[in-house]
Amino acid sequence: MSEFKLILADIDGTILPAGHHQVSERTTAALEAALDAGIRVGVATGRAREWAIPMLRNKQRLADTMLATNGMQVFLDGELLHEEQISNKQIGRMAEFLEQLPHAGLVCFDGGVPQLVAGSIKDMEQCFPKYVESCRILHELPSTPTVKCNAFQVGDLDNTCNFSALLNEQFDDLSFDVPQPAWVNVTPHGWSKATGIDLLCQAIGCSLDAVAVFGDGGNDVTMLEHVPYSVAVQGAAPEALAAARYHIGRCEDDAVAATIEAIVAGRWEAQD
């Protein structure tokens, strides 16, 4: 096994169990031990960087290198290395289409503030209630650049997968994936966590063989397929389990932390 230079983990469902607001102390300790051993570590998440840091027990250095907003923002050693944006032309086309679908809508973010561009606040509340309290209702194109954008439609996971597939068919310049029921990530076509990892590897000067990634959801599939040392936790989405080369225990049991501890100690025996 090659010496690792970079370790990235998804947050929700991978190192943060459902219903928890912060990762475990064991997880932050394992990540910090890897940093102290000279390995760059961080998270690869659909969340913005300012939201990720509190989840990491406010240990900012654990977010110095990371992929935020599904790779739309790439950070290296505390600096923004790259940022992708979704144009207002693309947002307008999505909004027009989504207004025709039942219980569907579009949210664009101004930093950490959600802005409702299409759909009703009532439907949005059913899809992602936490965002409603701080949401601005626009129903017009955003006046600030858009990095994070989500489509939503009330329904279960199967419905959301069908909704995402419909959007992928409709918009050939955008990509859509499912992080959770009723909620869909939007990125420029061809952009993902995998492309963000390529940028980090280029900047660090390492190959993909020196990278380990951990994930559990649909928005992790691109990086799990892309990186040879890809790991899914028990209970991950079927597509994530299929994409990952290796499989470990549950998020709730700190399986990622245990694996990183083993990597740092030089005793991880990866098993398919």
Protein backbone atom coordinates (compact mmCIF):
# COMPACT_ATOMS: atom_id res chain seq x y z
CA MET A 1 0.00 0.00 0.00
CA SER A 2 1.31 3.43 -0.92
CA GLU A 3 1.94 6.15 1.63
CA PHE A 4 -1.11 8.36 1.95
CA LYS A 5 -0.82 12.08 1.29
CA LEU A 6 -4.51 13.02 1.43
CA ILE A 7 -7.55 11.70 3.31
CA LEU A 8 -11.06 13.08 2.70
CA ALA A 9 -14.32 12.03 4.34
CA ASP A 10 -17.90 12.95 3.69
CA ILE A 11 -19.65 14.32 6.78
CA ASP A 12 -23.34 13.34 7.04
CA GLY A 13 -23.79 9.61 7.47
CA THR A 14 -20.04 8.96 7.13
CA ILE A 15 -18.45 10.60 10.17
CA LEU A 16 -21.58 12.32 11.55
CA PRO A 17 -24.46 10.05 12.58
CA ALA A 18 -28.01 11.15 11.87
CA GLY A 19 -29.37 13.44 14.58
CA HIS A 20 -25.92 14.52 15.79
CA HIS A 21 -24.61 18.06 15.45
CA GLN A 22 -20.91 17.35 15.89
CA VAL A 23 -18.62 14.48 15.03
CA SER A 24 -17.23 12.43 17.89
CA GLU A 25 -14.11 13.38 19.82
CA ARG A 26 -12.54 10.18 18.56
CA THR A 27 -13.10 11.32 14.98
CA THR A 28 -11.47 14.73 15.46
CA ALA A 29 -8.60 13.09 17.35
CA ALA A 30 -8.02 10.65 14.48
CA LEU A 31 -8.09 13.44 11.89
CA GLU A 32 -5.69 15.54 13.93
CA ALA A 33 -3.35 12.57 14.39
CA ALA A 34 -3.24 12.17 10.61
CA LEU A 35 -2.46 15.87 10.22
CA ASP A 36 0.30 15.60 12.79
CA ALA A 37 1.69 12.64 10.83
CA GLY A 38 2.04 14.85 7.74
CA ILE A 39 -1.11 13.71 5.93
CA ARG A 40 -3.46 16.38 4.66
CA VAL A 41 -6.96 15.56 5.90
CA GLY A 42 -10.34 17.18 5.51
CA VAL A 43 -13.94 16.71 4.53
CA ALA A 44 -15.64 16.34 1.17
CA THR A 45 -19.18 17.54 1.71
CA GLY A 46 -22.20 19.13 0.16
CA ARG A 47 -22.10 21.71 2.92
CA ALA A 48 -20.43 25.11 2.83
CA ARG A 49 -17.12 25.44 4.70
CA GLU A 50 -18.60 27.75 7.35
CA TRP A 51 -21.18 25.06 8.19
CA ALA A 52 -18.64 22.25 8.29
CA ILE A 53 -16.33 23.79 10.90
CA PRO A 54 -18.84 23.68 13.81
CA MET A 55 -19.56 20.03 12.95
CA LEU A 56 -15.86 19.36 13.31
CA ARG A 57 -15.99 20.65 16.89
CA ASN A 58 -14.82 24.07 15.69
CA LYS A 59 -11.39 22.70 14.85
CA GLN A 60 -10.76 24.92 11.85
CA ARG A 61 -7.58 23.20 10.76
CA LEU A 62 -9.65 20.10 9.97
CA ALA A 63 -11.37 22.18 7.28
CA ASP A 64 -8.23 23.91 5.95
CA THR A 65 -8.10 21.33 3.16
CA MET A 66 -11.54 20.29 1.98
CA LEU A 67 -14.09 20.03 -0.79
CA ALA A 68 -17.07 22.23 0.04
CA THR A 69 -20.43 22.24 -1.73
CA ASN A 70 -19.72 18.93 -3.51
CA GLY A 71 -16.41 20.14 -4.87
CA MET A 72 -17.68 23.50 -6.10
CA GLN A 73 -15.17 25.06 -3.71
CA VAL A 74 -11.74 23.49 -3.25
CA PHE A 75 -9.65 24.58 -0.26
CA LEU A 76 -6.00 23.76 0.32
CA ASP A 77 -4.16 24.73 3.50
CA GLY A 78 -6.80 27.33 4.36
CA GLU A 79 -6.82 29.03 0.95
CA LEU A 80 -9.51 28.85 -1.73
CA LEU A 81 -7.84 26.96 -4.56
CA HIS A 82 -10.79 26.88 -6.98
CA GLU A 83 -14.44 27.88 -7.18
CA GLU A 84 -17.13 26.89 -9.67
CA GLN A 85 -20.37 28.86 -10.11
CA ILE A 86 -23.80 28.26 -11.59
CA SER A 87 -24.89 31.06 -13.92
CA ASN A 88 -28.13 32.99 -13.63
CA LYS A 89 -29.01 31.76 -17.11
CA GLN A 90 -28.83 28.18 -15.86
CA ILE A 91 -30.74 29.09 -12.69
CA GLY A 92 -33.49 30.76 -14.72
CA ARG A 93 -33.94 27.70 -16.92
CA MET A 94 -34.14 25.41 -13.90
CA ALA A 95 -36.61 27.68 -12.10
CA GLU A 96 -38.90 27.83 -15.13
CA PHE A 97 -38.90 24.04 -15.45
CA LEU A 98 -39.34 23.33 -11.73
CA GLU A 99 -42.30 25.71 -11.45
CA GLN A 100 -44.16 23.29 -13.75
CA LEU A 101 -43.62 20.28 -11.45
CA PRO A 102 -45.78 19.55 -8.40
CA HIS A 103 -44.31 20.40 -4.99
CA ALA A 104 -40.92 21.21 -6.50
CA GLY A 105 -38.62 24.21 -6.26
CA LEU A 106 -35.12 25.65 -6.35
CA VAL A 107 -32.90 27.10 -3.62
CA CYS A 108 -29.74 29.13 -4.29
CA PHE A 109 -27.43 30.14 -1.46
CA ASP A 110 -25.86 33.51 -0.74
CA GLY A 111 -22.99 32.31 1.39
CA GLY A 112 -24.77 30.38 4.10
CA VAL A 113 -28.20 31.94 3.52
CA PRO A 114 -30.77 29.94 1.50
CA GLN A 115 -32.76 31.88 -1.09
CA LEU A 116 -35.99 30.45 -2.51
CA VAL A 117 -35.93 31.07 -6.27
CA ALA A 118 -38.78 28.75 -7.30
CA GLY A 119 -41.47 26.79 -5.47
CA SER A 120 -43.25 27.36 -2.18
CA ILE A 121 -41.79 27.79 1.28
CA LYS A 122 -44.33 25.22 2.52
CA ASP A 123 -42.97 22.55 0.18
CA MET A 124 -39.40 23.53 0.98
CA GLU A 125 -40.13 23.08 4.69
CA GLN A 126 -41.17 19.48 4.05
CA CYS A 127 -37.93 18.83 2.17
CA PHE A 128 -35.36 20.61 4.36
CA PRO A 129 -37.03 22.24 7.38
CA LYS A 130 -33.79 23.53 8.90
CA TYR A 131 -33.32 26.01 6.08
CA VAL A 132 -36.76 27.61 6.32
CA GLU A 133 -36.11 29.85 9.33
CA SER A 134 -33.30 31.77 7.61
CA CYS A 135 -34.61 31.53 4.05
CA ARG A 136 -35.09 34.60 1.86
CA ILE A 137 -37.98 34.32 -0.56
CA LEU A 138 -36.77 35.73 -3.87
CA HIS A 139 -38.80 34.26 -6.73
CA GLU A 140 -36.33 36.05 -8.97
CA LEU A 141 -32.75 35.48 -10.05
CA PRO A 142 -30.10 35.91 -7.34
CA SER A 143 -28.12 39.15 -7.27
CA THR A 144 -24.99 37.39 -5.94
CA PRO A 145 -22.89 34.62 -7.55
CA THR A 146 -24.26 31.13 -6.91
CA VAL A 147 -21.95 28.35 -5.79
CA LYS A 148 -24.42 26.18 -3.87
CA CYS A 149 -27.76 25.33 -5.46
CA ASN A 150 -30.35 22.65 -4.68
CA ALA A 151 -33.55 21.48 -6.32
CA PHE A 152 -36.25 19.89 -4.19
CA GLN A 153 -39.47 17.95 -4.55
CA VAL A 154 -41.62 16.54 -1.78
CA GLY A 155 -41.42 12.73 -1.79
CA ASP A 156 -39.54 9.65 -0.65
CA LEU A 157 -36.10 8.49 -1.78
CA ASP A 158 -37.40 6.61 -4.84
CA ASN A 159 -39.28 9.70 -5.96
CA THR A 160 -36.18 11.84 -5.44
CA CYS A 161 -34.05 9.47 -7.55
CA ASN A 162 -36.62 9.70 -10.34
CA PHE A 163 -36.72 13.49 -9.94
CA SER A 164 -32.93 13.68 -10.20
CA ALA A 165 -32.94 11.45 -13.29
CA LEU A 166 -35.54 13.70 -14.93
CA LEU A 167 -33.40 16.78 -14.27
CA ASN A 168 -30.31 15.07 -15.67
CA GLU A 169 -32.27 14.31 -18.85
CA GLN A 170 -33.60 17.86 -19.09
CA PHE A 171 -30.36 19.82 -18.55
CA ASP A 172 -27.26 18.63 -20.40
CA ASP A 173 -25.05 21.41 -18.99
CA LEU A 174 -25.79 20.53 -15.35
CA SER A 175 -25.49 17.45 -13.16
CA PHE A 176 -27.84 16.35 -10.39
CA ASP A 177 -27.36 13.81 -7.58
CA VAL A 178 -29.26 12.73 -4.48
CA PRO A 179 -27.77 13.28 -1.01
CA GLN A 180 -31.05 12.58 0.83
CA PRO A 181 -34.79 12.19 0.17
CA ALA A 182 -36.53 15.24 -1.37
CA TRP A 183 -33.24 17.11 -1.91
CA VAL A 184 -31.02 17.20 -5.01
CA ASN A 185 -27.56 18.72 -5.50
CA VAL A 186 -26.88 20.83 -8.59
CA THR A 187 -23.42 21.22 -10.13
CA PRO A 188 -22.10 22.17 -13.58
CA HIS A 189 -22.00 19.12 -15.83
CA GLY A 190 -18.81 17.16 -15.28
CA TRP A 191 -18.01 18.85 -11.97
CA SER A 192 -18.04 16.79 -8.78
CA LYS A 193 -16.07 15.76 -5.73
CA ALA A 194 -13.89 13.71 -8.09
CA THR A 195 -12.79 16.74 -10.11
CA GLY A 196 -12.09 18.58 -6.86
CA ILE A 197 -9.83 15.72 -5.76
CA ASP A 198 -7.93 15.95 -9.05
CA LEU A 199 -7.26 19.64 -8.38
CA LEU A 200 -5.99 18.88 -4.88
CA CYS A 201 -3.74 16.10 -6.15
CA GLN A 202 -2.29 18.39 -8.80
CA ALA A 203 -1.62 21.13 -6.26
CA ILE A 204 -0.16 18.76 -3.66
CA GLY A 205 1.82 16.82 -6.22
CA CYS A 206 0.48 13.35 -5.47
CA SER A 207 -1.24 10.58 -7.40
CA LEU A 208 -4.69 9.15 -6.72
CA ASP A 209 -2.97 6.10 -5.24
CA ALA A 210 -1.92 8.33 -2.32
CA VAL A 211 -5.52 9.35 -1.54
CA ALA A 212 -8.13 7.69 0.69
CA VAL A 213 -11.79 8.74 0.60
CA PHE A 214 -14.76 7.78 2.76
CA GLY A 215 -18.43 8.19 1.88
CA ASP A 216 -21.97 6.91 2.14
CA GLY A 217 -24.29 8.81 -0.23
CA GLY A 218 -25.19 9.42 -3.83
CA ASN A 219 -23.09 12.58 -3.93
CA ASP A 220 -20.04 10.51 -2.92
CA VAL A 221 -20.26 8.10 -5.86
CA THR A 222 -17.99 10.09 -8.20
CA MET A 223 -15.10 10.20 -5.73
CA LEU A 224 -15.64 6.59 -4.61
CA GLU A 225 -15.41 5.45 -8.23
CA HIS A 226 -12.46 7.73 -8.96
CA VAL A 227 -10.07 6.96 -6.11
CA PRO A 228 -8.50 3.49 -5.76
CA TYR A 229 -8.59 3.58 -1.95
CA SER A 230 -12.31 4.34 -1.68
CA VAL A 231 -14.24 3.26 1.41
CA ALA A 232 -17.97 3.10 2.15
CA VAL A 233 -19.42 2.77 5.63
CA GLN A 234 -21.96 0.12 6.54
CA GLY A 235 -25.48 1.30 5.75
CA ALA A 236 -24.36 3.49 2.83
CA ALA A 237 -26.63 3.97 -0.16
CA PRO A 238 -26.52 1.00 -2.58
CA GLU A 239 -24.85 3.07 -5.28
CA ALA A 240 -22.14 4.20 -2.83
CA LEU A 241 -21.54 0.64 -1.65
CA ALA A 242 -21.21 -0.48 -5.27
CA ALA A 243 -18.81 2.37 -6.13
CA ALA A 244 -16.47 1.85 -3.17
CA ARG A 245 -13.62 -0.65 -3.34
CA TYR A 246 -13.52 -1.23 0.42
CA HIS A 247 -16.19 -1.47 3.12
CA ILE A 248 -16.00 -0.81 6.85
CA GLY A 249 -18.35 -0.66 9.85
CA ARG A 250 -20.98 1.85 10.87
CA CYS A 251 -20.70 5.60 11.11
CA GLU A 252 -22.29 5.35 14.56
CA ASP A 253 -19.40 3.16 15.72
CA ASP A 254 -16.67 5.57 14.54
CA ALA A 255 -15.61 3.19 11.78
CA VAL A 256 -13.92 5.97 9.80
CA ALA A 257 -11.99 7.14 12.86
CA ALA A 258 -10.82 3.58 13.52
CA THR A 259 -9.64 3.23 9.91
CA ILE A 260 -7.76 6.54 9.98
CA GLU A 261 -6.11 5.49 13.26
CA ALA A 262 -4.96 2.32 11.52
CA ILE A 263 -3.66 4.28 8.51
CA VAL A 264 -1.64 6.58 10.76
CA ALA A 265 -0.24 3.58 12.64
CA GLY A 266 0.63 1.85 9.37
CA ARG A 267 -1.54 -1.15 10.12
CA TRP A 268 -4.61 -0.70 7.90
CA GLU A 269 -5.26 -3.92 6.01
CA ALA A 270 -7.72 -2.84 3.35
CA GLN A 271 -10.27 -5.53 2.50
CA ASP A 272 -12.68 -5.52 -0.42
